[in-house]
Amino acid sequence: MAKNKNNKAIWKNRIKKNTSSFFQKVGGSLDIDKRLFKQDIMGSIAHVEMLFKQKIISFKIKNKIIYGLGKIEKEISKNKFEYNLKYEDIHMNIEKRLFEIIGEEAGYIHTARSRNDQVITDLKIWMRSSNKEILNHLNKIIKTTLRIAEKNIKTIMPGFTHLKNAQPISFAHYLMAYVEMFTRDKKRFNDNIESLNESPLGVLALAGTSFNIDREYTAKKLGFKKPTNNSIDTVSDRDFVLDYLYSCSVCSMHISRIAEELIIWNSDAFDLIKLSDKVVTGSSIMPQKKNPDILEFLRGKTGTFYGNLFSMLSLLKGLPLSYFKDLQDDKENVFSSNDNLINCLKLLDEILNNLSPNKKRMLELADTGFITATDLADYLVKNHSISFREAYEKTSLIVNFAERKKIKLEDLNISDLKKIFPELTSDVLNVFNLENSVKSKRSYGGTSFDNIKKMILKYKKKL
C-alpha cells in the first residue's frame, strides 16, 4: 500500500488549527451521505474518463484512479471500508482512501471539480433511482386496488359527505378514487425524473473552470440529457429537492386519507370492513381489542413528510447565492422522506391485501338516511318538467313525511307520495331501489357498474 501523505484536511496549509472535534462530530454528514458511495464513484469515474479524453490527465493516471475507485466500491459493498469522521463526508472519505491505494496520483481526481458540483451530481443520480423505486411501489398499490375493485363492482355502500349518508355508490367506485390519487402521484414522480435530467458536474464551486472540460460527455455518461446552463444557479439550486419532498408529502397525504377512512370503517360504529389479524395489534389491558395500529402509523407519518418539506423550504428562503453549509441538510430530508414513503407504501399494500368489505353491513347502511332522495328529485325534473329547485323542495317534503312516519323512502306507497305531488305514478317507486340508483349514474366518471368496469380495464391496460 502506498504511504498516505494526505491524511490531513485538504485545507491544512491554510487553516493551522484542527477543527473543533465537537463540530466534526455534529457538522459532518458522513453518517447520512455514505449511502451515496456508488453514485460518488460513478460520477468520479465519468469525470476522470472525461479528463483523459480531453488530454487533461494521462492514460496511466486515469486507469490508476479507476482501479482504485473500483477497489473502494468493493470494500464498501463488503463492509470492509473504514470510515473516518475527520473527513466529514463520503466524498472525502473515498478520496482519502484513494490516496492510500494509489498514492499521490489520487490528487488528480479533483482536477476541474469541486465538492459542490460533485455532491449535487451524486444526489441527483440517487434521486433518479429513488423516484423509480417509488413509482414501482405505486404501481403495486394501484394493481392491488384494481384487483379488489374488480371483485366489488356490485358491492353497494353509502357515499358520504360530512360523514353523513349522501348517495349510494359502488365500493369499487370508492376504491377507484384512490387509483386516481395514486396515478396523480405517479405523474409527479415521473415529472421529478424529468427535472433531474440536467447534469451539475463541471460547474465546480460556482464559476465553472478554465480547463477544457466536456460537460456534454459526462452528462451522457451519467444518464443525464444535458448539462445545466448556469454554474451559480446549479450549486445553489435545490428546486429538485423541493419537488421531490412535495411529491412525497402529497403521496403521504393520500395514504393518510385512505388510512383515516379505513380506521373509521373498521370501527365498531361503522363496521364496513374487516382487517386480518396480520395487520392489527392487541391491547396491553383489554383482551378483546384488535387495533388498526398500522393504519394509525400511516396517518401519523404524514407529519414527518410535511416537516421535511417545510424544513427545506425554510432553509432555502433566505439563502443568497450560491453555496452554503445550510444546504447539507438537503440529503437528510430527502433520505428520510424516501425511506418513510417506501415503508408506508409497502404497509398500505399489505393492508389492502388483508382487508375485506362487510358487504351486508355496507348495504344495510346504504339503506338508511333517505339516501335516494336525490334520485327522486332528478326523477321529478325528468318526468314532470319542473325545475330542480322545485323538485328539491317537493323531495324535502316527502323526506320529512317519511321521517315523521319513521319509515324508509322505499316503504312509502304511491298514495302517500300523491299527497305531496299528486301527478306521481307508481313507476316513481323504482327510484328508491339502491341498485337502480347506482346503475343510473352513467355520466362519465360516475358510479354506474358499466363505468367502473371500463375504468378498471383502462387502468389495467395502462399498467
Protein backbone atom coordinates (compact mmCIF):
# COMPACT_ATOMS: atom_id res chain seq x y z
CA MET A 1 0.00 0.00 0.00
CA ALA A 2 1.31 3.45 -0.85
CA LYS A 3 2.15 5.62 2.12
CA ASN A 4 -0.61 8.09 2.77
CA LYS A 5 0.84 11.61 2.73
CA ASN A 6 -2.60 13.13 2.57
CA ASN A 7 -4.20 12.10 5.82
CA LYS A 8 -4.99 15.62 6.97
CA ALA A 9 -7.73 18.01 5.99
CA ILE A 10 -7.22 19.34 2.47
CA TRP A 11 -7.12 22.91 3.80
CA LYS A 12 -4.35 22.12 6.34
CA ASN A 13 -1.91 24.68 4.91
CA ARG A 14 -4.43 27.50 5.16
CA ILE A 15 -6.15 26.64 8.43
CA LYS A 16 -3.50 25.92 11.02
CA LYS A 17 -5.61 24.55 13.86
CA ASN A 18 -7.75 21.45 13.88
CA THR A 19 -11.47 21.98 13.51
CA SER A 20 -13.42 21.66 16.74
CA SER A 21 -13.80 17.96 17.47
CA PHE A 22 -17.39 18.53 18.54
CA PHE A 23 -18.19 20.28 15.26
CA GLN A 24 -16.54 17.41 13.39
CA LYS A 25 -18.96 15.14 15.19
CA VAL A 26 -22.15 17.12 14.64
CA GLY A 27 -21.26 19.08 11.50
CA GLY A 28 -20.13 16.19 9.34
CA SER A 29 -22.56 14.38 7.09
CA LEU A 30 -20.81 11.03 6.74
CA ASP A 31 -23.44 9.01 8.61
CA ILE A 32 -26.08 10.43 6.28
CA ASP A 33 -24.40 10.64 2.88
CA LYS A 34 -22.39 7.42 2.89
CA ARG A 35 -25.32 5.80 1.12
CA LEU A 36 -24.24 7.87 -1.90
CA PHE A 37 -20.99 5.92 -2.33
CA LYS A 38 -21.99 4.19 -5.57
CA GLN A 39 -23.16 7.42 -7.15
CA ASP A 40 -20.00 9.19 -5.98
CA ILE A 41 -17.75 6.57 -7.51
CA MET A 42 -19.83 6.50 -10.71
CA GLY A 43 -19.51 10.28 -11.04
CA SER A 44 -15.77 10.20 -10.34
CA ILE A 45 -15.15 7.55 -12.98
CA ALA A 46 -17.09 9.53 -15.59
CA HIS A 47 -15.14 12.64 -14.58
CA VAL A 48 -11.66 11.11 -14.92
CA GLU A 49 -12.62 9.45 -18.21
CA MET A 50 -13.58 12.90 -19.46
CA LEU A 51 -10.30 14.38 -18.14
CA PHE A 52 -8.36 11.77 -20.10
CA LYS A 53 -10.46 12.27 -23.24
CA GLN A 54 -9.74 16.00 -23.04
CA LYS A 55 -5.99 15.29 -22.51
CA ILE A 56 -6.03 16.87 -19.07
CA ILE A 57 -4.71 13.71 -17.37
CA SER A 58 -2.73 10.78 -18.76
CA PHE A 59 -3.98 7.32 -19.64
CA LYS A 60 -1.92 5.87 -16.77
CA ILE A 61 -3.39 8.22 -14.18
CA LYS A 62 -6.92 7.64 -15.42
CA ASN A 63 -6.52 3.86 -15.14
CA LYS A 64 -4.93 4.03 -11.69
CA ILE A 65 -7.78 6.21 -10.40
CA ILE A 66 -10.46 3.95 -11.89
CA TYR A 67 -8.71 0.88 -10.45
CA GLY A 68 -8.61 2.49 -7.00
CA LEU A 69 -12.23 3.56 -7.15
CA GLY A 70 -13.28 0.05 -8.16
CA LYS A 71 -11.41 -1.36 -5.17
CA ILE A 72 -13.06 1.16 -2.85
CA GLU A 73 -16.53 0.27 -4.15
CA LYS A 74 -15.87 -3.41 -3.41
CA GLU A 75 -14.61 -2.57 0.08
CA ILE A 76 -17.71 -0.52 0.90
CA SER A 77 -20.06 -3.12 -0.59
CA LYS A 78 -18.44 -5.84 1.52
CA ASN A 79 -18.44 -3.68 4.68
CA LYS A 80 -14.62 -3.64 4.75
CA PHE A 81 -14.22 0.10 4.34
CA GLU A 82 -13.00 2.11 7.32
CA TYR A 83 -14.87 5.41 7.59
CA ASN A 84 -13.24 8.37 9.32
CA LEU A 85 -15.44 11.14 10.73
CA LYS A 86 -12.48 13.51 10.44
CA TYR A 87 -13.07 13.60 6.70
CA GLU A 88 -16.62 14.95 7.05
CA ASP A 89 -18.44 13.12 4.28
CA ILE A 90 -18.42 10.14 1.93
CA HIS A 91 -16.74 12.16 -0.82
CA MET A 92 -13.64 12.99 1.18
CA ASN A 93 -13.53 9.52 2.75
CA ILE A 94 -13.38 7.98 -0.72
CA GLU A 95 -10.74 10.45 -1.88
CA LYS A 96 -8.56 9.85 1.18
CA ARG A 97 -8.80 6.08 0.72
CA LEU A 98 -7.84 6.54 -2.93
CA PHE A 99 -4.61 8.20 -1.78
CA GLU A 100 -3.90 5.16 0.37
CA ILE A 101 -4.41 2.79 -2.55
CA ILE A 102 -2.70 4.56 -5.48
CA GLY A 103 -0.63 7.29 -3.86
CA GLU A 104 -0.25 10.95 -4.79
CA GLU A 105 -1.76 10.49 -8.25
CA ALA A 106 -5.12 10.34 -6.48
CA GLY A 107 -4.83 14.13 -6.28
CA TYR A 108 -5.70 14.39 -9.97
CA ILE A 109 -9.26 13.18 -9.33
CA HIS A 110 -10.31 16.63 -8.20
CA THR A 111 -8.98 18.44 -11.25
CA ALA A 112 -11.76 20.63 -12.69
CA ARG A 113 -14.20 19.55 -10.00
CA SER A 114 -15.48 20.86 -6.65
CA ARG A 115 -17.35 19.10 -3.90
CA ASN A 116 -20.19 21.48 -4.72
CA ASP A 117 -20.91 20.04 -8.16
CA GLN A 118 -19.82 16.56 -7.04
CA VAL A 119 -22.37 16.40 -4.22
CA ILE A 120 -25.28 17.64 -6.32
CA THR A 121 -24.42 15.20 -9.10
CA ASP A 122 -24.39 12.28 -6.66
CA LEU A 123 -27.68 13.34 -5.11
CA LYS A 124 -29.41 13.78 -8.46
CA ILE A 125 -28.32 10.33 -9.64
CA TRP A 126 -29.51 8.80 -6.37
CA MET A 127 -32.85 10.62 -6.53
CA ARG A 128 -33.42 9.40 -10.07
CA SER A 129 -33.34 5.83 -8.74
CA SER A 130 -35.43 6.76 -5.73
CA ASN A 131 -38.22 8.18 -7.89
CA LYS A 132 -38.23 5.00 -9.98
CA GLU A 133 -38.43 2.81 -6.88
CA ILE A 134 -41.37 4.80 -5.54
CA LEU A 135 -43.10 4.50 -8.91
CA ASN A 136 -42.75 0.70 -8.72
CA HIS A 137 -44.41 0.67 -5.30
CA LEU A 138 -47.20 2.95 -6.50
CA ASN A 139 -47.84 0.55 -9.37
CA LYS A 140 -48.19 -2.29 -6.85
CA ILE A 141 -50.69 -0.27 -4.82
CA ILE A 142 -52.71 0.50 -7.94
CA LYS A 143 -52.68 -3.15 -9.07
CA THR A 144 -53.85 -4.32 -5.66
CA THR A 145 -56.59 -1.68 -5.57
CA LEU A 146 -57.78 -2.61 -9.07
CA ARG A 147 -57.94 -6.27 -8.09
CA ILE A 148 -60.13 -5.51 -5.06
CA ALA A 149 -62.27 -3.11 -7.08
CA GLU A 150 -62.87 -5.71 -9.79
CA LYS A 151 -64.27 -8.08 -7.17
CA ASN A 152 -66.56 -5.42 -5.71
CA ILE A 153 -68.16 -3.66 -8.66
CA LYS A 154 -71.65 -4.57 -7.45
CA THR A 155 -70.90 -4.10 -3.76
CA ILE A 156 -73.17 -1.20 -2.78
CA MET A 157 -72.28 1.13 0.05
CA PRO A 158 -73.20 4.67 1.10
CA GLY A 159 -71.14 7.50 -0.30
CA PHE A 160 -70.54 10.12 2.37
CA THR A 161 -70.36 13.88 2.58
CA HIS A 162 -69.63 15.29 6.04
CA LEU A 163 -69.57 11.59 7.15
CA LYS A 164 -73.33 11.55 6.58
CA ASN A 165 -75.01 9.18 4.16
CA ALA A 166 -75.24 11.02 0.85
CA GLN A 167 -75.84 8.77 -2.17
CA PRO A 168 -75.41 5.06 -2.88
CA ILE A 169 -72.19 4.14 -4.69
CA SER A 170 -70.22 1.05 -5.61
CA PHE A 171 -67.41 0.14 -3.22
CA ALA A 172 -65.29 -0.31 -6.36
CA HIS A 173 -66.01 3.30 -7.33
CA TYR A 174 -64.72 4.44 -3.95
CA LEU A 175 -61.54 2.40 -4.44
CA MET A 176 -61.07 3.83 -7.92
CA ALA A 177 -60.98 7.31 -6.39
CA TYR A 178 -57.68 6.32 -4.76
CA VAL A 179 -56.43 4.88 -8.03
CA GLU A 180 -56.87 8.41 -9.41
CA MET A 181 -54.94 9.91 -6.50
CA PHE A 182 -52.05 7.46 -6.77
CA THR A 183 -51.98 7.95 -10.53
CA ARG A 184 -51.50 11.68 -9.97
CA ASP A 185 -48.70 10.78 -7.55
CA LYS A 186 -47.09 8.75 -10.32
CA LYS A 187 -47.20 11.76 -12.62
CA ARG A 188 -45.47 13.89 -10.01
CA PHE A 189 -42.66 11.37 -9.52
CA ASN A 190 -42.29 10.96 -13.29
CA ASP A 191 -42.05 14.75 -13.58
CA ASN A 192 -39.34 14.66 -10.91
CA ILE A 193 -37.29 12.29 -13.03
CA GLU A 194 -37.59 14.70 -15.94
CA SER A 195 -36.47 17.63 -13.77
CA LEU A 196 -33.39 15.65 -12.70
CA ASN A 197 -32.17 15.36 -16.29
CA GLU A 198 -29.61 18.18 -16.19
CA SER A 199 -26.09 17.31 -15.06
CA PRO A 200 -24.40 19.59 -12.49
CA LEU A 201 -20.95 18.04 -12.99
CA GLY A 202 -18.40 20.53 -14.26
CA VAL A 203 -19.74 23.77 -12.78
CA LEU A 204 -17.28 23.38 -9.88
CA ALA A 205 -17.64 25.67 -6.85
CA LEU A 206 -19.77 28.29 -8.64
CA ALA A 207 -17.88 29.83 -11.58
CA GLY A 208 -17.02 26.98 -13.92
CA THR A 209 -13.40 26.23 -14.87
CA SER A 210 -10.62 27.30 -17.22
CA PHE A 211 -9.88 23.63 -18.02
CA ASN A 212 -11.12 22.44 -21.41
CA ILE A 213 -13.69 20.02 -20.00
CA ASP A 214 -16.55 18.37 -21.88
CA ARG A 215 -19.72 18.59 -19.82
CA GLU A 216 -21.83 17.06 -22.58
CA TYR A 217 -19.68 13.94 -22.35
CA THR A 218 -20.05 13.49 -18.58
CA ALA A 219 -23.77 14.30 -18.75
CA LYS A 220 -24.38 11.47 -21.23
CA LYS A 221 -22.05 9.10 -19.36
CA LEU A 222 -24.12 9.59 -16.21
CA GLY A 223 -27.51 9.29 -17.88
CA PHE A 224 -28.42 12.99 -17.99
CA LYS A 225 -29.89 14.63 -21.07
CA LYS A 226 -27.68 17.72 -20.93
CA PRO A 227 -25.57 19.86 -18.60
CA THR A 228 -27.05 22.67 -16.53
CA ASN A 229 -26.89 26.18 -18.01
CA ASN A 230 -25.69 28.41 -15.18
CA SER A 231 -22.92 27.47 -12.76
CA ILE A 232 -24.09 29.76 -9.95
CA ASP A 233 -27.67 28.52 -10.09
CA THR A 234 -26.50 24.91 -10.29
CA VAL A 235 -24.67 24.80 -6.96
CA SER A 236 -27.43 26.71 -5.14
CA ASP A 237 -30.43 25.02 -6.80
CA ARG A 238 -32.46 22.68 -4.65
CA ASP A 239 -35.75 23.04 -6.51
CA PHE A 240 -35.48 19.38 -7.48
CA VAL A 241 -35.31 18.52 -3.77
CA LEU A 242 -38.41 20.60 -3.06
CA ASP A 243 -40.26 18.93 -5.93
CA TYR A 244 -39.35 15.53 -4.54
CA LEU A 245 -40.28 16.38 -0.94
CA TYR A 246 -43.56 17.90 -2.12
CA SER A 247 -44.36 14.77 -4.14
CA CYS A 248 -43.64 12.60 -1.11
CA SER A 249 -45.81 14.84 1.07
CA VAL A 250 -48.80 14.70 -1.28
CA CYS A 251 -48.46 10.93 -1.70
CA SER A 252 -48.28 10.54 2.07
CA MET A 253 -51.37 12.72 2.44
CA HIS A 254 -53.23 10.36 0.08
CA ILE A 255 -52.07 7.40 2.15
CA SER A 256 -53.21 9.20 5.29
CA ARG A 257 -56.66 9.86 3.83
CA ILE A 258 -57.30 6.24 2.94
CA ALA A 259 -55.85 5.18 6.30
CA GLU A 260 -58.22 7.53 8.11
CA GLU A 261 -61.21 6.22 6.19
CA LEU A 262 -60.29 2.60 6.80
CA ILE A 263 -59.85 3.34 10.51
CA ILE A 264 -63.37 4.80 10.62
CA TRP A 265 -64.84 1.97 8.57
CA ASN A 266 -63.14 -0.62 10.76
CA SER A 267 -64.61 0.93 13.91
CA ASP A 268 -67.42 -0.89 15.71
CA ALA A 269 -69.76 2.01 14.91
CA PHE A 270 -69.33 1.64 11.14
CA ASP A 271 -68.18 -1.99 10.77
CA LEU A 272 -67.84 -1.63 7.00
CA ILE A 273 -64.57 -3.54 6.65
CA LYS A 274 -62.73 -6.31 8.45
CA LEU A 275 -58.95 -6.36 8.91
CA SER A 276 -56.99 -9.60 9.02
CA ASP A 277 -55.06 -10.36 12.20
CA LYS A 278 -51.90 -9.80 10.13
CA VAL A 279 -52.46 -6.04 10.13
CA VAL A 280 -53.84 -5.34 13.61
CA THR A 281 -52.34 -5.29 17.09
CA GLY A 282 -53.70 -6.00 20.55
CA SER A 283 -54.12 -4.09 23.79
CA SER A 284 -51.95 -4.45 26.88
CA ILE A 285 -55.03 -4.44 29.14
CA MET A 286 -58.14 -5.20 27.05
CA PRO A 287 -58.02 -8.80 25.79
CA GLN A 288 -60.74 -8.35 23.19
CA LYS A 289 -59.10 -5.49 21.28
CA LYS A 290 -57.91 -5.64 17.68
CA ASN A 291 -56.49 -2.21 16.92
CA PRO A 292 -55.74 -0.78 13.44
CA ASP A 293 -52.33 0.44 14.60
CA ILE A 294 -50.67 0.13 11.20
CA LEU A 295 -53.27 2.43 9.68
CA GLU A 296 -52.71 4.89 12.52
CA PHE A 297 -48.96 4.66 11.88
CA LEU A 298 -49.55 5.59 8.23
CA ARG A 299 -51.76 8.50 9.21
CA GLY A 300 -49.23 9.78 11.73
CA LYS A 301 -46.23 9.56 9.41
CA THR A 302 -47.59 12.34 7.22
CA GLY A 303 -46.24 14.86 9.73
CA THR A 304 -42.71 13.62 9.02
CA PHE A 305 -43.08 14.32 5.29
CA TYR A 306 -44.54 17.77 5.88
CA GLY A 307 -41.72 18.51 8.33
CA ASN A 308 -39.05 17.56 5.79
CA LEU A 309 -40.68 19.73 3.12
CA PHE A 310 -41.12 22.78 5.37
CA SER A 311 -37.62 22.33 6.76
CA MET A 312 -36.18 22.60 3.26
CA LEU A 313 -38.44 25.49 2.28
CA SER A 314 -37.41 27.38 5.42
CA LEU A 315 -33.75 26.60 4.82
CA LEU A 316 -33.80 27.97 1.28
CA LYS A 317 -35.94 31.07 1.73
CA GLY A 318 -33.13 33.34 2.97
CA LEU A 319 -30.06 31.91 1.28
CA PRO A 320 -28.15 34.22 -1.06
CA LEU A 321 -26.30 32.64 -3.98
CA SER A 322 -24.50 30.34 -4.12
CA TYR A 323 -23.32 27.52 -1.80
CA PHE A 324 -23.67 27.50 2.00
CA LYS A 325 -23.27 24.78 4.62
CA ASP A 326 -27.01 25.04 5.29
CA LEU A 327 -27.61 23.08 2.08
CA GLN A 328 -26.02 20.00 3.64
CA ASP A 329 -29.38 19.27 5.30
CA ASP A 330 -30.98 18.51 1.93
CA LYS A 331 -29.85 14.88 1.96
CA GLU A 332 -31.16 14.14 5.43
CA ASN A 333 -34.61 15.42 4.43
CA VAL A 334 -34.56 13.52 1.13
CA PHE A 335 -33.39 10.23 2.62
CA SER A 336 -35.90 10.46 5.47
CA SER A 337 -38.80 11.04 3.08
CA ASN A 338 -37.61 8.31 0.73
CA ASP A 339 -37.28 5.66 3.42
CA ASN A 340 -40.53 6.54 5.13
CA LEU A 341 -42.55 6.70 1.93
CA ILE A 342 -41.34 3.34 0.69
CA ASN A 343 -42.19 1.80 4.07
CA CYS A 344 -45.64 3.42 4.02
CA LEU A 345 -46.38 2.20 0.50
CA LYS A 346 -45.35 -1.33 1.43
CA LEU A 347 -47.53 -1.24 4.54
CA LEU A 348 -50.53 0.13 2.67
CA ASP A 349 -50.25 -2.63 0.08
CA GLU A 350 -50.14 -5.19 2.87
CA ILE A 351 -53.24 -3.69 4.48
CA LEU A 352 -55.16 -3.66 1.20
CA ASN A 353 -54.30 -7.32 0.72
CA ASN A 354 -55.61 -8.08 4.20
CA LEU A 355 -58.95 -6.32 4.33
CA SER A 356 -62.38 -7.50 3.30
CA PRO A 357 -65.56 -5.46 2.87
CA ASN A 358 -68.52 -6.28 5.11
CA LYS A 359 -70.93 -6.33 2.16
CA LYS A 360 -74.01 -6.98 4.27
CA ARG A 361 -73.29 -4.06 6.57
CA MET A 362 -72.45 -1.79 3.63
CA LEU A 363 -75.83 -2.50 2.08
CA GLU A 364 -77.63 -2.04 5.41
CA LEU A 365 -76.00 1.33 5.98
CA ALA A 366 -76.72 2.39 2.40
CA ASP A 367 -80.38 1.68 3.08
CA THR A 368 -80.57 4.35 5.79
CA GLY A 369 -80.62 8.14 5.78
CA PHE A 370 -83.03 8.59 2.85
CA ILE A 371 -80.04 8.08 0.56
CA THR A 372 -82.03 8.00 -2.71
CA ALA A 373 -83.64 11.40 -2.16
CA THR A 374 -81.55 12.98 -4.93
CA ASP A 375 -82.75 10.27 -7.31
CA LEU A 376 -86.32 11.29 -6.54
CA ALA A 377 -85.55 14.96 -7.23
CA ASP A 378 -83.89 14.03 -10.54
CA TYR A 379 -86.91 11.87 -11.43
CA LEU A 380 -89.29 14.78 -10.87
CA VAL A 381 -87.22 17.04 -13.13
CA LYS A 382 -87.01 14.47 -15.92
CA ASN A 383 -90.60 13.26 -15.79
CA HIS A 384 -92.65 16.25 -14.66
CA SER A 385 -91.00 19.24 -16.36
CA ILE A 386 -90.23 21.20 -13.19
CA SER A 387 -87.01 22.95 -12.18
CA PHE A 388 -84.55 21.18 -9.98
CA ARG A 389 -85.12 23.69 -7.16
CA GLU A 390 -88.87 22.96 -7.19
CA ALA A 391 -88.12 19.24 -7.31
CA TYR A 392 -85.73 19.69 -4.39
CA GLU A 393 -88.49 21.33 -2.31
CA LYS A 394 -91.03 18.60 -3.12
CA THR A 395 -88.50 15.89 -2.30
CA SER A 396 -87.69 17.57 1.02
CA LEU A 397 -91.39 17.42 1.95
CA ILE A 398 -91.51 13.73 1.05
CA VAL A 399 -88.40 13.04 3.15
CA ASN A 400 -89.91 14.94 6.08
CA PHE A 401 -93.08 12.88 5.75
CA ALA A 402 -91.13 9.59 5.79
CA GLU A 403 -89.06 10.79 8.74
CA ARG A 404 -92.20 11.61 10.76
CA LYS A 405 -93.62 8.20 9.90
CA LYS A 406 -90.23 6.61 10.82
CA ILE A 407 -90.13 4.67 7.57
CA LYS A 408 -87.71 4.49 4.65
CA LEU A 409 -88.43 6.13 1.31
CA GLU A 410 -88.86 2.73 -0.35
CA ASP A 411 -91.55 1.88 2.22
CA LEU A 412 -93.73 4.79 1.14
CA ASN A 413 -96.71 3.85 -1.02
CA ILE A 414 -97.94 5.78 -4.01
CA SER A 415 -100.91 7.24 -2.13
CA ASP A 416 -98.52 8.76 0.45
CA LEU A 417 -96.48 10.32 -2.33
CA LYS A 418 -99.53 11.67 -4.15
CA LYS A 419 -100.48 13.69 -1.08
CA ILE A 420 -97.42 15.81 -1.75
CA PHE A 421 -97.14 15.51 -5.52
CA PRO A 422 -100.48 14.37 -6.99
CA GLU A 423 -99.13 13.82 -10.53
CA LEU A 424 -96.86 10.93 -9.44
CA THR A 425 -97.42 7.43 -10.76
CA SER A 426 -96.30 4.08 -9.37
CA ASP A 427 -93.13 3.93 -11.53
CA VAL A 428 -91.60 6.52 -9.18
CA LEU A 429 -91.11 3.74 -6.63
CA ASN A 430 -88.27 2.33 -8.78
CA VAL A 431 -86.05 5.29 -7.99
CA PHE A 432 -85.81 4.21 -4.35
CA ASN A 433 -84.04 0.98 -5.28
CA LEU A 434 -80.35 1.22 -4.36
CA GLU A 435 -79.07 -0.78 -7.31
CA ASN A 436 -81.16 1.26 -9.73
CA SER A 437 -79.72 4.40 -8.21
CA VAL A 438 -76.13 3.23 -8.71
CA LYS A 439 -76.79 1.98 -12.25
CA SER A 440 -78.34 5.29 -13.24
CA LYS A 441 -75.14 7.31 -12.63
CA ARG A 442 -73.87 6.76 -16.16
CA SER A 443 -72.27 10.19 -16.70
CA TYR A 444 -68.53 9.95 -17.38
CA GLY A 445 -66.77 9.39 -14.06
CA GLY A 446 -69.98 8.30 -12.34
CA THR A 447 -70.54 5.24 -10.17
CA SER A 448 -72.54 3.07 -12.58
CA PHE A 449 -71.35 -0.52 -12.83
CA ASP A 450 -70.59 -0.16 -16.55
CA ASN A 451 -68.48 2.96 -15.94
CA ILE A 452 -66.47 1.22 -13.26
CA LYS A 453 -65.77 -1.80 -15.46
CA LYS A 454 -64.48 0.50 -18.20
CA MET A 455 -62.25 2.43 -15.77
CA ILE A 456 -60.78 -0.72 -14.28
CA LEU A 457 -59.99 -2.02 -17.76
CA LYS A 458 -58.46 1.35 -18.72
CA TYR A 459 -56.07 1.32 -15.78
CA LYS A 460 -55.18 -2.35 -16.16
CA LYS A 461 -54.13 -1.63 -19.73
CA LYS A 462 -52.03 1.33 -18.55
CA LEU A 463 -50.17 -0.90 -16.13
